[in-house]
Every structure is written in structure tokens, then in C-alpha cells.
Amino acid sequence: MVRFKNDDSAYVGRYLAVVADGMGGHAGGNVASASTVLDLVHLDSDSHEDEPLTILADEIQAANSLLSELVTTSPQLSGMGTTVTALLLHDQRLALAHIGDSRAYRLKDGRFEQISIDHTFVQRLIDEGRLQPEEAEVHPHKNVLMRVLGDVDASPELDLASFEVEPGERWLLCSDGLTAVLRDSDIEGVLRGSSDLQECVDTLVELTLAGGSPDNVTVAVIEIAEDANAGSGPATAQFPSQDTGSRDAAVAAAVPPVVDDAPDAASSPETANGTDAGDDADDDESERERAALIRQDLASRPHVLVGAAALATETGEIPIVTKRSAERRAARMLTHKADTGQAAEQQTGDSPRPAWKRWLLPAFLTVVALLLAVAVWLGYTWTQTRYYVGSYDNRVAIFNGVSQTLGPIHLSHVTDVSDIPVDSLSEYHRNRVEDTLPARDLEHAGKIVTELRDTAKAVLCPPADSGSGMDDGGASPSAAANSACGGVQ
């Protein structure tokens, strides 16, 4: 009753229900909710490649990334955000993903309860025991959200849960426009007392408007029913297309139009943004074409779409949303066609491609193994053309190969061992031998050994002393040295 635009969006189909409440206090709240809802509607199917809860969470995270992209291309949208409460039905289970302060209620086996938890500041105070629930209703910061989708968090934390479902149970999703006016007991009374789902949502909206409705109000009531086509397993029942405008008792999901006191934007899309239609005729035509593409995609499944998301698809009123949604739908259609073509090719068996694929990997691995073996063999062959001089059993020796090892494998072997003790060398030459002396070939290695022998003799055989002194044993020092020299040949 006080908003000049509708920031809520909602979609309900046979397997998917989503309610999103854009942050009305920020620019682009309607863009955020519409973009998020339209980005999720392709999940309205009974076949998924992964767990429904995982898929739902991943798609909401992807929708959050899209909001960041929208802000990047349109900085004036900075700060926009939206709540999301979504249900995805698969076989006997219902996946729930939730963030923000929109709510999910369940009526099952006679018990009515709130399933979702508000991500608000006052709810955190209640959880911490610092605030009583009745005090939260009048708290000055009761509308402060702690978690939402938007451009402020690349990976927002979602509440995720999965529930066993039975035919006949009802779920209610709503934006906080409903709970700002009605108590849970009021909502429960209407949900229990209404046999017709459309009557139920109409009554809830009327009661909200009568209470002053300070915010947009969107309500979706879903009833689990047996799938008449499949014969087993619960599913939301088939219901008329939104274009017919008809509703009856067989409808398993119903969302009423959101009441708004603003002028009907659908009747004058050219002037809704304050622009001249004549100047932007081409742009308007492009937006209408994109909106038509989205409508065509939605027409393939029974559904109800309301709020900012419906406005975007009907009129192209939110160009950014229609453009991105059309692009993503076109990409998904191309991917689906490619996957279908590949599946058909595999089923026909006419093409040799599957057999070729089977031997491609073994052949590739065989070639890689052969190349590796050749590289190892060539490397080892090259090492056997090399020589070096080193130490072997405290003797100077000639080695064939390189001094490195490859794990437990030695890449060299002894070719010749001399009679030169390594200890007989000077410290400098001894260190060089222990570190190995590379040689160009076997002949060069022999020359190095000869040079080391001369070095050893120079150390052990100093020039003869002409003196006649005697050592303690009666022999001269020169005689002792000459005796030692005889050991190095």
C-alpha cells in the first residue's frame, strides 16, 4: 500500500516454487528478484543429473554471480539484493534452499510449522537469548537482514534441507510483506480452512491489505499430489497455463497478482523509465523480442509467474533482466541440442566414432610409453660414452658413465683401478678425485691418472737431502723417503 514499485517475484510450476523479495530500500530490488527467479525457472523438471538439493544450491549461487555481473555492467544497481526461498520436488523428496527473511511454512499430518529461519538481526538476538520473540515485533532493527543474495558476497551461505513428502501436505512460501501484518496463527487458520488453493492465497493477500500492507506481499501455496501421468510418486499437479487466467480446484499451486498502488507499468512500458519512446524505438523492439523469447520458453510448461519477474517477461520493462535471461536460455537451448545430437549418434551405431574412441586412449598411452622408453634408452646410451676419474676402494680409478645415480641404479661402472692411493695425493688433488674429474674419453682419463701419479710421487719423494744425518734407527732420512717412493709406480 506504500511502495511505488514491486520488488517481489515468484514462480510456481509442477516441480519448482520460488519466492524472492528484492531489497526495496536499494536501487534495483526488482531487478535482483526478477533476475534470480528467471534464472531458476529452468529447474522446473522431474529429471536432474545430480541431487536436487545440490542442483538447487548451485543454481542459486550462479544466480548470485549473475547479480554481481549486472552490477559490473550497471554500477547504478550497486547494493541491490534479494531474498530467496525455493522448493524443488523430485520423486518422494522436496529440497529447500533459503536465504533472507522470506518464509516457508508446512502443514503436514495436522501440524503447522515454520520451516525456514529468518536471517535477520533480531532473529540472531533471539537465538542468542538476548531478545524475546514478542519483543522482536517492535524492535527498531527488525528488518535488518544478515544474509541475502547480492553483489556483497561472492558465495553467500544458504540454509539447505531435504524433506520426505506425502500427497496432501501443503507448503506456503511468502515474502515478509505477509508476516509483517499477519501472525503465524492467522496464516495457519487460513491455510487449514481453505479447501481451494486460490481461495487460500486470495484470502491471505486481502487480510494483509486490510492490515495496512507496508510492504509488497507475495504468497504461494503448494500442495503435493500424485502424478497422474506417472502413476506413482508425488508431484505438483498439472494446472492451466498462466495465459488462460483460469483456476480451479485441481490447481496444486497458485500465486495471486501482487497488489500495488503504482500506475500499471505494463500499460505504458515506453514511459516507465522516464524515456521517450520515439528516441528508443529500436531498443524497445529489442527488449520486446527478448521478452517474447522468455515467454516462449515459459509457455512450454504449466506455471504461474508474478511480480517483477512477470513484468520483465511481459513488457521487457527491466531490460537488463530480459537481456541476460534470453542469453542464458539461448545458451541452454544450444547445449541441449548438442547433447541430443551426440546421444542420437551413439544410439544409431552408424558412426565408427564410438569404436575409435575406445582404442584412442590405449593407443595414446602406448605411444607415450614407447617414447618414454626410447628417451630413457637414449639417455643411458649417452651416459656410457662419458668417462671420469674418481675414487674406488681408496685407489684412483677410471669410471665409464656419469657419477649420478637414478634411484638405486648407478649410471657408471669401474673400468680400471690404478695403484695410486688416494691418501698419497695432496689435499687439493685428493678433494678433486673424490668429487670426480670428468674426462672427454678413455685416453683423456688415462692422462689424468698419469698426472695424479706424478703428483703423488712429488708428495712422497721430496728432493734428496745432501746432509749425513741419521735417524733414530741408524738410517738416513733420504733412504726412508726413497723406500716409500718405490710404492708408487
Protein backbone atom coordinates (compact mmCIF):
# COMPACT_ATOMS: atom_id res chain seq x y z
CA MET A 1 0.00 0.00 0.00
CA VAL A 2 3.01 2.35 0.25
CA ARG A 3 5.54 1.05 -2.32
CA PHE A 4 5.85 2.79 -5.68
CA LYS A 5 7.22 -0.38 -7.33
CA ASN A 6 7.02 -4.11 -6.76
CA ASP A 7 10.31 -5.69 -5.65
CA ASP A 8 8.80 -9.18 -5.19
CA SER A 9 8.98 -12.00 -7.74
CA ALA A 10 7.57 -15.53 -7.62
CA TYR A 11 7.31 -18.62 -9.80
CA VAL A 12 5.39 -21.84 -9.20
CA GLY A 13 5.37 -24.85 -11.52
CA ARG A 14 4.85 -28.58 -11.19
CA TYR A 15 8.24 -29.22 -9.56
CA LEU A 16 9.60 -25.81 -8.59
CA ALA A 17 8.39 -22.96 -6.38
CA VAL A 18 10.39 -19.77 -5.74
CA VAL A 19 9.63 -16.56 -3.86
CA ALA A 20 12.16 -13.70 -3.91
CA ASP A 21 11.86 -10.33 -2.19
CA GLY A 22 14.16 -7.65 -3.61
CA MET A 23 15.69 -5.21 -1.16
CA GLY A 24 13.18 -2.39 -1.58
CA GLY A 25 15.38 0.18 0.11
CA HIS A 26 18.02 -0.15 -2.58
CA ALA A 27 18.10 0.63 -6.26
CA GLY A 28 17.41 -2.46 -8.32
CA GLY A 29 15.47 -4.55 -5.81
CA ASN A 30 13.05 -5.50 -8.58
CA VAL A 31 15.98 -6.34 -10.86
CA ALA A 32 17.53 -8.60 -8.24
CA SER A 33 14.37 -10.61 -7.53
CA ALA A 34 13.32 -10.89 -11.17
CA SER A 35 16.79 -11.92 -12.32
CA THR A 36 17.07 -14.57 -9.61
CA VAL A 37 13.64 -16.10 -10.22
CA LEU A 38 14.02 -16.18 -14.00
CA ASP A 39 17.44 -17.75 -13.60
CA LEU A 40 15.90 -20.67 -11.65
CA VAL A 41 12.79 -21.49 -13.67
CA HIS A 42 14.63 -23.97 -15.91
CA LEU A 43 14.84 -26.29 -12.88
CA ASP A 44 11.08 -26.94 -13.17
CA SER A 45 11.58 -30.54 -14.32
CA ASP A 46 11.34 -34.04 -12.92
CA SER A 47 14.73 -35.15 -14.26
CA HIS A 48 18.06 -33.92 -12.93
CA GLU A 49 21.58 -35.26 -13.39
CA ASP A 50 22.58 -34.61 -9.77
CA GLU A 51 20.97 -34.48 -6.35
CA PRO A 52 18.14 -31.89 -6.41
CA LEU A 53 19.43 -30.19 -3.25
CA THR A 54 22.89 -29.82 -4.76
CA ILE A 55 21.49 -28.54 -8.05
CA LEU A 56 19.23 -26.03 -6.31
CA ALA A 57 22.11 -24.68 -4.20
CA ASP A 58 24.46 -24.45 -7.19
CA GLU A 59 21.89 -22.64 -9.32
CA ILE A 60 21.16 -20.09 -6.58
CA GLN A 61 24.90 -19.45 -6.25
CA ALA A 62 25.03 -18.99 -10.02
CA ALA A 63 22.14 -16.54 -9.80
CA ASN A 64 24.10 -14.63 -7.17
CA SER A 65 27.08 -14.43 -9.56
CA LEU A 66 24.75 -13.06 -12.21
CA LEU A 67 23.73 -10.25 -9.85
CA SER A 68 27.41 -9.31 -9.49
CA GLU A 69 27.74 -9.26 -13.28
CA LEU A 70 24.71 -6.99 -13.55
CA VAL A 71 26.25 -4.55 -11.06
CA THR A 72 29.52 -4.59 -13.03
CA THR A 73 27.72 -3.60 -16.24
CA SER A 74 25.33 -1.20 -14.47
CA PRO A 75 27.01 0.43 -11.44
CA GLN A 76 23.78 2.25 -10.55
CA LEU A 77 22.48 -1.11 -9.32
CA SER A 78 25.20 -1.39 -6.69
CA GLY A 79 23.82 -2.51 -3.35
CA MET A 80 20.85 -4.40 -4.74
CA GLY A 81 19.93 -7.72 -3.19
CA THR A 82 17.15 -10.24 -2.78
CA THR A 83 15.91 -12.98 -0.51
CA VAL A 84 15.24 -16.43 -1.97
CA THR A 85 13.12 -19.27 -0.66
CA ALA A 86 12.87 -22.14 -3.15
CA LEU A 87 11.43 -25.66 -3.23
CA LEU A 88 12.40 -28.33 -5.78
CA LEU A 89 10.41 -31.58 -5.92
CA HIS A 90 11.96 -34.87 -7.07
CA ASP A 91 10.31 -38.26 -6.53
CA GLN A 92 9.46 -38.52 -2.83
CA ARG A 93 11.63 -35.65 -1.61
CA LEU A 94 11.41 -31.88 -1.52
CA ALA A 95 14.63 -29.83 -1.49
CA LEU A 96 14.56 -26.46 0.30
CA ALA A 97 17.07 -23.63 -0.17
CA HIS A 98 16.63 -20.43 1.78
CA ILE A 99 18.36 -17.11 2.43
CA GLY A 100 16.89 -13.92 3.84
CA ASP A 101 13.58 -13.31 5.62
CA SER A 102 11.04 -14.71 3.19
CA ARG A 103 9.49 -17.77 4.79
CA ALA A 104 8.50 -21.39 4.19
CA TYR A 105 5.69 -22.98 6.23
CA ARG A 106 4.48 -26.58 6.14
CA LEU A 107 1.12 -28.16 7.05
CA LYS A 108 1.58 -31.92 7.32
CA ASP A 109 -0.23 -34.57 9.37
CA GLY A 110 -2.24 -31.82 11.04
CA ARG A 111 0.86 -29.95 12.22
CA PHE A 112 1.60 -26.39 11.04
CA GLU A 113 5.17 -25.10 11.47
CA GLN A 114 7.65 -22.58 10.13
CA ILE A 115 10.43 -24.49 8.38
CA SER A 116 12.74 -21.67 7.34
CA ILE A 117 14.70 -19.47 9.76
CA ASP A 118 14.86 -15.70 9.25
CA HIS A 119 18.33 -14.37 8.57
CA THR A 120 17.68 -11.12 10.41
CA PHE A 121 19.41 -9.20 13.16
CA VAL A 122 16.52 -9.69 15.61
CA GLN A 123 16.39 -13.43 14.93
CA ARG A 124 20.06 -13.67 15.80
CA LEU A 125 19.33 -11.86 19.07
CA ILE A 126 16.50 -14.32 19.76
CA ASP A 127 18.76 -17.29 19.04
CA GLU A 128 21.36 -15.89 21.44
CA GLY A 129 18.72 -15.42 24.16
CA ARG A 130 19.14 -11.65 24.17
CA LEU A 131 15.64 -10.89 22.87
CA GLN A 132 12.18 -12.37 23.35
CA PRO A 133 10.13 -13.23 20.23
CA GLU A 134 7.38 -10.78 21.19
CA GLU A 135 9.98 -8.00 21.55
CA ALA A 136 11.21 -8.63 18.02
CA GLU A 137 7.92 -7.35 16.58
CA VAL A 138 8.63 -3.81 17.80
CA HIS A 139 12.43 -3.83 17.61
CA PRO A 140 13.76 -0.82 15.61
CA HIS A 141 16.08 -3.08 13.57
CA LYS A 142 13.65 -5.91 12.91
CA ASN A 143 14.03 -5.52 9.12
CA VAL A 144 17.84 -5.62 9.08
CA LEU A 145 18.96 -8.64 7.03
CA MET A 146 22.14 -10.53 7.84
CA ARG A 147 22.21 -12.73 4.73
CA VAL A 148 20.90 -12.11 1.19
CA LEU A 149 21.86 -12.66 -2.42
CA GLY A 150 23.57 -9.66 -3.98
CA ASP A 151 26.86 -8.12 -5.02
CA VAL A 152 28.31 -8.07 -1.50
CA ASP A 153 29.15 -11.77 -1.12
CA ALA A 154 30.58 -14.00 -3.84
CA SER A 155 29.41 -17.16 -2.07
CA PRO A 156 26.52 -16.45 0.31
CA GLU A 157 25.63 -19.08 2.91
CA LEU A 158 22.34 -20.85 2.18
CA ASP A 159 20.16 -22.87 4.52
CA LEU A 160 19.64 -26.25 2.82
CA ALA A 161 17.36 -29.12 3.80
CA SER A 162 15.55 -32.08 2.25
CA PHE A 163 12.17 -33.50 3.30
CA GLU A 164 10.16 -36.63 2.65
CA VAL A 165 6.79 -35.61 1.19
CA GLU A 166 3.35 -37.22 1.08
CA PRO A 167 0.33 -36.41 -1.08
CA GLY A 168 -1.94 -33.91 0.59
CA GLU A 169 0.63 -31.93 2.55
CA ARG A 170 0.80 -28.20 1.90
CA TRP A 171 3.65 -25.72 1.80
CA LEU A 172 3.36 -21.94 1.91
CA LEU A 173 6.07 -19.59 0.68
CA CYS A 174 5.75 -15.86 1.25
CA SER A 175 7.64 -12.59 1.31
CA ASP A 176 7.85 -10.70 4.59
CA GLY A 177 5.01 -8.46 3.44
CA LEU A 178 2.67 -11.18 4.70
CA THR A 179 4.32 -11.82 8.06
CA ALA A 180 4.68 -8.08 8.75
CA VAL A 181 0.89 -7.93 9.12
CA LEU A 182 -0.39 -11.42 9.92
CA ARG A 183 0.64 -13.64 12.80
CA ASP A 184 1.51 -17.29 12.26
CA SER A 185 -1.77 -18.30 13.88
CA ASP A 186 -3.70 -16.22 11.33
CA ILE A 187 -1.78 -17.80 8.45
CA GLU A 188 -2.38 -21.28 9.86
CA GLY A 189 -6.11 -20.66 10.22
CA VAL A 190 -6.49 -19.64 6.58
CA LEU A 191 -4.30 -22.50 5.31
CA ARG A 192 -6.30 -25.08 7.30
CA GLY A 193 -9.70 -23.61 6.48
CA SER A 194 -9.30 -23.26 2.71
CA SER A 195 -10.01 -26.25 0.50
CA ASP A 196 -9.19 -24.28 -2.66
CA LEU A 197 -5.62 -23.06 -3.03
CA GLN A 198 -6.55 -19.94 -4.98
CA GLU A 199 -9.06 -19.00 -2.30
CA CYS A 200 -6.33 -19.50 0.30
CA VAL A 201 -3.82 -17.12 -1.29
CA ASP A 202 -6.51 -14.56 -2.14
CA THR A 203 -7.69 -14.51 1.47
CA LEU A 204 -4.16 -14.08 2.82
CA VAL A 205 -3.45 -11.15 0.50
CA GLU A 206 -6.77 -9.47 1.27
CA LEU A 207 -6.13 -9.75 5.01
CA THR A 208 -2.67 -8.24 4.52
CA LEU A 209 -4.03 -5.30 2.55
CA ALA A 210 -6.71 -4.72 5.16
CA GLY A 211 -3.98 -4.56 7.79
CA GLY A 212 -2.19 -1.72 6.01
CA SER A 213 0.35 -3.74 3.96
CA PRO A 214 3.51 -1.65 4.48
CA ASP A 215 5.40 -3.87 2.01
CA ASN A 216 4.74 -5.84 -1.16
CA VAL A 217 3.07 -9.15 -0.38
CA THR A 218 3.53 -12.36 -2.37
CA VAL A 219 2.10 -15.72 -1.33
CA ALA A 220 2.48 -19.15 -2.93
CA VAL A 221 0.62 -22.21 -1.64
CA ILE A 222 1.74 -25.61 -2.92
CA GLU A 223 0.01 -28.91 -2.39
CA ILE A 224 1.72 -32.24 -3.01
CA ALA A 225 -0.36 -34.51 -5.26
CA GLU A 226 0.04 -37.85 -7.01
CA ASP A 227 1.38 -37.54 -10.54
CA ALA A 228 -1.49 -38.86 -12.64
CA ASN A 229 0.75 -39.28 -15.69
CA ALA A 230 3.49 -41.27 -13.96
CA GLY A 231 1.11 -43.34 -11.85
CA SER A 232 3.39 -43.21 -8.80
CA GLY A 233 5.45 -40.73 -6.90
CA PRO A 234 4.23 -37.32 -5.73
CA ALA A 235 4.42 -34.27 -7.94
CA THR A 236 2.67 -30.94 -8.17
CA ALA A 237 -0.43 -31.47 -10.25
CA GLN A 238 -0.95 -30.18 -13.77
CA PHE A 239 -2.71 -26.81 -13.91
CA PRO A 240 -3.75 -24.36 -16.64
CA SER A 241 -1.24 -22.09 -18.29
CA GLN A 242 -0.92 -18.60 -16.88
CA ASP A 243 -2.14 -17.13 -20.17
CA THR A 244 -5.62 -18.64 -19.69
CA GLY A 245 -6.09 -16.90 -16.36
CA SER A 246 -8.25 -19.80 -15.17
CA ARG A 247 -8.00 -21.55 -11.82
CA ASP A 248 -9.93 -24.49 -10.39
CA ALA A 249 -9.83 -26.99 -7.55
CA ALA A 250 -7.27 -29.15 -9.41
CA VAL A 251 -4.68 -26.41 -9.19
CA ALA A 252 -1.87 -27.52 -6.91
CA ALA A 253 -0.02 -24.21 -6.85
CA ALA A 254 -1.40 -20.72 -7.03
CA VAL A 255 0.15 -17.27 -6.71
CA PRO A 256 -2.08 -14.19 -6.82
CA PRO A 257 -1.00 -10.99 -8.54
CA VAL A 258 0.73 -8.63 -6.14
CA VAL A 259 -1.44 -5.65 -5.33
CA ASP A 260 0.37 -2.38 -5.87
CA ASP A 261 -0.93 1.17 -5.88
CA ALA A 262 1.60 2.30 -8.51
CA PRO A 263 0.41 3.04 -12.06
CA ASP A 264 0.15 -0.01 -14.31
CA ALA A 265 3.64 -0.14 -15.80
CA ALA A 266 2.55 -2.79 -18.27
CA SER A 267 0.19 -0.32 -19.93
CA SER A 268 2.93 2.21 -20.65
CA PRO A 269 6.32 0.48 -20.88
CA GLU A 270 7.74 3.24 -23.04
CA THR A 271 7.45 5.86 -20.32
CA ALA A 272 8.00 3.78 -17.19
CA ASN A 273 11.68 4.71 -17.03
CA GLY A 274 11.12 8.36 -17.98
CA THR A 275 12.46 7.97 -21.56
CA ASP A 276 10.96 8.98 -24.88
CA ALA A 277 9.60 6.02 -26.84
CA GLY A 278 10.40 7.66 -30.16
CA ASP A 279 14.09 8.01 -29.32
CA ASP A 280 14.45 4.43 -28.10
CA ALA A 281 12.21 2.58 -30.55
CA ASP A 282 14.95 0.18 -31.60
CA ASP A 283 15.89 -0.61 -28.01
CA ASP A 284 12.23 -1.16 -27.09
CA GLU A 285 11.81 -3.53 -30.02
CA SER A 286 14.88 -5.48 -28.95
CA GLU A 287 13.61 -5.76 -25.38
CA ARG A 288 10.20 -6.91 -26.58
CA GLU A 289 11.86 -9.60 -28.70
CA ARG A 290 13.87 -10.81 -25.71
CA ALA A 291 10.77 -10.80 -23.53
CA ALA A 292 8.94 -12.80 -26.21
CA LEU A 293 11.74 -15.38 -26.21
CA ILE A 294 11.44 -15.80 -22.44
CA ARG A 295 7.66 -16.09 -22.68
CA GLN A 296 8.03 -18.74 -25.37
CA ASP A 297 10.35 -20.74 -23.15
CA LEU A 298 7.99 -20.45 -20.16
CA ALA A 299 4.98 -21.43 -22.29
CA SER A 300 6.42 -24.94 -22.61
CA ARG A 301 5.50 -25.71 -19.01
CA PRO A 302 2.44 -25.01 -16.81
CA HIS A 303 3.32 -22.32 -14.32
CA VAL A 304 2.36 -19.12 -12.53
CA LEU A 305 4.74 -16.15 -12.67
CA VAL A 306 4.09 -12.86 -10.84
CA GLY A 307 5.73 -9.68 -9.65
CA ALA A 308 8.81 -8.04 -11.12
CA ALA A 309 9.73 -11.26 -12.97
CA ALA A 310 6.34 -11.29 -14.72
CA LEU A 311 6.69 -7.59 -15.60
CA ALA A 312 10.11 -8.25 -17.15
CA THR A 313 8.82 -11.08 -19.32
CA GLU A 314 5.58 -9.40 -20.33
CA THR A 315 6.89 -5.99 -21.29
CA GLY A 316 10.69 -6.01 -21.23
CA GLU A 317 10.30 -3.40 -18.50
CA ILE A 318 13.59 -4.47 -16.92
CA PRO A 319 15.95 -4.60 -19.95
CA ILE A 320 18.94 -5.98 -18.08
CA VAL A 321 16.94 -8.94 -16.80
CA THR A 322 15.33 -9.77 -20.16
CA LYS A 323 18.67 -9.50 -21.95
CA ARG A 324 20.58 -11.77 -19.57
CA SER A 325 17.73 -14.27 -19.24
CA ALA A 326 17.34 -14.50 -23.02
CA GLU A 327 21.09 -15.03 -23.48
CA ARG A 328 21.24 -17.79 -20.87
CA ARG A 329 18.17 -19.53 -22.28
CA ALA A 330 19.64 -19.44 -25.79
CA ALA A 331 22.87 -20.94 -24.48
CA ARG A 332 20.99 -23.71 -22.67
CA MET A 333 18.97 -24.50 -25.81
CA LEU A 334 22.16 -24.81 -27.87
CA THR A 335 23.73 -27.04 -25.24
CA HIS A 336 20.62 -29.20 -25.13
CA LYS A 337 20.63 -29.60 -28.92
CA ALA A 338 24.30 -30.56 -28.92
CA ASP A 339 23.75 -33.14 -26.18
CA THR A 340 20.73 -34.54 -28.04
CA GLY A 341 22.72 -34.84 -31.26
CA GLN A 342 25.53 -36.73 -29.55
CA ALA A 343 23.07 -39.09 -27.86
CA ALA A 344 21.35 -39.81 -31.18
CA GLU A 345 24.68 -40.56 -32.84
CA GLN A 346 25.60 -43.04 -30.13
CA GLN A 347 22.22 -44.77 -30.35
CA THR A 348 22.26 -45.25 -34.15
CA GLY A 349 25.60 -47.05 -34.14
CA ASP A 350 26.20 -45.99 -37.79
CA SER A 351 29.24 -43.90 -36.99
CA PRO A 352 32.60 -45.54 -36.19
CA ARG A 353 33.33 -42.78 -33.69
CA PRO A 354 32.49 -44.81 -30.53
CA ALA A 355 34.85 -47.66 -31.55
CA TRP A 356 37.52 -45.14 -32.45
CA LYS A 357 37.14 -43.57 -29.02
CA ARG A 358 37.61 -46.94 -27.35
CA TRP A 359 41.08 -47.58 -28.78
CA LEU A 360 42.20 -43.94 -28.84
CA LEU A 361 43.22 -43.80 -25.17
CA PRO A 362 45.10 -47.15 -25.12
CA ALA A 363 46.91 -46.19 -28.31
CA PHE A 364 47.86 -42.82 -26.89
CA LEU A 365 49.17 -44.39 -23.69
CA THR A 366 51.17 -46.97 -25.69
CA VAL A 367 52.81 -44.26 -27.79
CA VAL A 368 53.66 -42.26 -24.68
CA ALA A 369 55.19 -45.36 -23.05
CA LEU A 370 57.28 -46.10 -26.17
CA LEU A 371 58.52 -42.53 -26.37
CA LEU A 372 59.45 -42.62 -22.71
CA ALA A 373 61.31 -45.93 -23.16
CA VAL A 374 63.22 -44.55 -26.16
CA ALA A 375 64.12 -41.41 -24.23
CA VAL A 376 65.41 -43.48 -21.29
CA TRP A 377 67.42 -45.76 -23.61
CA LEU A 378 68.98 -42.83 -25.49
CA GLY A 379 69.81 -41.13 -22.21
CA TYR A 380 71.51 -44.22 -20.83
CA THR A 381 73.41 -44.78 -24.08
CA TRP A 382 74.76 -41.26 -23.92
CA THR A 383 75.97 -41.74 -20.33
CA GLN A 384 78.05 -44.74 -21.44
CA THR A 385 80.07 -42.52 -23.79
CA ARG A 386 81.31 -40.49 -20.84
CA TYR A 387 84.31 -41.15 -18.52
CA TYR A 388 85.59 -39.70 -15.29
CA VAL A 389 88.31 -40.30 -12.72
CA GLY A 390 87.32 -40.95 -9.15
CA SER A 391 87.99 -42.93 -6.02
CA TYR A 392 87.41 -46.68 -5.70
CA ASP A 393 88.47 -48.58 -2.58
CA ASN A 394 90.90 -45.72 -1.71
CA ARG A 395 92.54 -46.03 -5.16
CA VAL A 396 92.43 -43.69 -8.11
CA ALA A 397 90.19 -45.34 -10.73
CA ILE A 398 88.72 -44.69 -14.17
CA PHE A 399 84.92 -44.95 -14.48
CA ASN A 400 82.76 -45.33 -17.59
CA GLY A 401 79.50 -43.37 -17.41
CA VAL A 402 78.41 -40.45 -15.22
CA SER A 403 78.73 -40.19 -11.47
CA GLN A 404 74.99 -39.66 -10.86
CA THR A 405 72.51 -42.36 -9.82
CA LEU A 406 68.91 -42.88 -10.83
CA GLY A 407 67.33 -44.16 -7.65
CA PRO A 408 69.05 -47.49 -6.93
CA ILE A 409 70.56 -47.60 -10.43
CA HIS A 410 74.20 -46.45 -10.84
CA LEU A 411 74.90 -44.85 -14.18
CA SER A 412 78.61 -45.77 -14.18
CA HIS A 413 80.98 -48.71 -13.60
CA VAL A 414 84.71 -49.08 -12.90
CA THR A 415 86.88 -49.54 -15.99
CA ASP A 416 90.38 -49.52 -14.49
CA VAL A 417 91.82 -49.23 -10.97
CA SER A 418 95.32 -47.78 -10.56
CA ASP A 419 97.80 -48.46 -7.77
CA ILE A 420 97.76 -44.83 -6.65
CA PRO A 421 96.46 -44.49 -3.06
CA VAL A 422 94.09 -41.56 -2.76
CA ASP A 423 95.72 -40.78 0.60
CA SER A 424 99.04 -40.25 -1.18
CA LEU A 425 97.69 -37.23 -3.04
CA SER A 426 97.87 -33.66 -1.84
CA GLU A 427 94.74 -32.39 -0.14
CA TYR A 428 93.78 -30.35 -3.20
CA HIS A 429 94.10 -33.28 -5.63
CA ARG A 430 92.51 -35.68 -3.17
CA ASN A 431 89.40 -33.49 -2.94
CA ARG A 432 89.20 -33.25 -6.73
CA VAL A 433 89.37 -37.02 -7.13
CA GLU A 434 86.70 -37.58 -4.51
CA ASP A 435 84.48 -35.05 -6.32
CA THR A 436 85.32 -36.86 -9.63
CA LEU A 437 87.27 -35.43 -12.56
CA PRO A 438 85.36 -35.57 -15.88
CA ALA A 439 87.19 -36.80 -18.97
CA ARG A 440 86.44 -36.45 -22.68
CA ASP A 441 87.20 -40.11 -23.38
CA LEU A 442 89.18 -43.09 -22.08
CA GLU A 443 92.50 -41.73 -23.34
CA HIS A 444 91.93 -38.41 -21.61
CA ALA A 445 91.07 -40.27 -18.39
CA GLY A 446 94.43 -42.13 -18.64
CA LYS A 447 96.30 -38.85 -18.91
CA ILE A 448 94.56 -37.54 -15.79
CA VAL A 449 95.65 -40.68 -13.89
CA THR A 450 99.25 -40.18 -15.07
CA GLU A 451 99.23 -36.60 -13.84
CA LEU A 452 97.91 -37.73 -10.48
CA ARG A 453 100.70 -40.35 -10.24
CA ASP A 454 103.30 -37.63 -10.76
CA THR A 455 101.60 -35.55 -8.10
CA ALA A 456 101.70 -38.47 -5.66
CA LYS A 457 105.44 -39.00 -6.32
CA ALA A 458 106.13 -35.33 -5.74
CA VAL A 459 104.44 -35.58 -2.36
CA LEU A 460 106.16 -38.83 -1.27
CA CYS A 461 109.61 -38.22 -2.89
CA PRO A 462 110.96 -34.78 -1.92
CA PRO A 463 114.43 -33.80 -3.25
CA ALA A 464 117.25 -35.85 -1.60
CA ASP A 465 118.94 -34.12 1.38
CA SER A 466 122.70 -33.97 0.99
CA GLY A 467 123.13 -33.96 4.76
CA SER A 468 124.56 -37.05 6.54
CA GLY A 469 122.27 -37.00 9.49
CA MET A 470 120.93 -40.33 10.79
CA ASP A 471 117.51 -41.10 12.07
CA ASP A 472 116.96 -42.92 15.33
CA GLY A 473 117.17 -46.32 13.60
CA GLY A 474 120.50 -45.58 12.03
CA ALA A 475 119.16 -44.94 8.50
CA SER A 476 119.26 -41.61 6.74
CA PRO A 477 116.01 -39.66 6.01
CA SER A 478 116.62 -39.75 2.26
CA ALA A 479 116.86 -43.51 2.32
CA ALA A 480 113.45 -43.77 4.06
CA ALA A 481 111.82 -41.46 1.50
CA ASN A 482 113.28 -43.39 -1.44
CA SER A 483 111.91 -46.58 0.05
CA ALA A 484 108.40 -45.05 0.19
CA CYS A 485 108.66 -43.76 -3.38
CA GLY A 486 109.13 -47.24 -4.62
CA GLY A 487 105.47 -47.98 -3.82
CA VAL A 488 104.12 -45.57 -6.47
CA GLN A 489 104.75 -46.91 -9.99
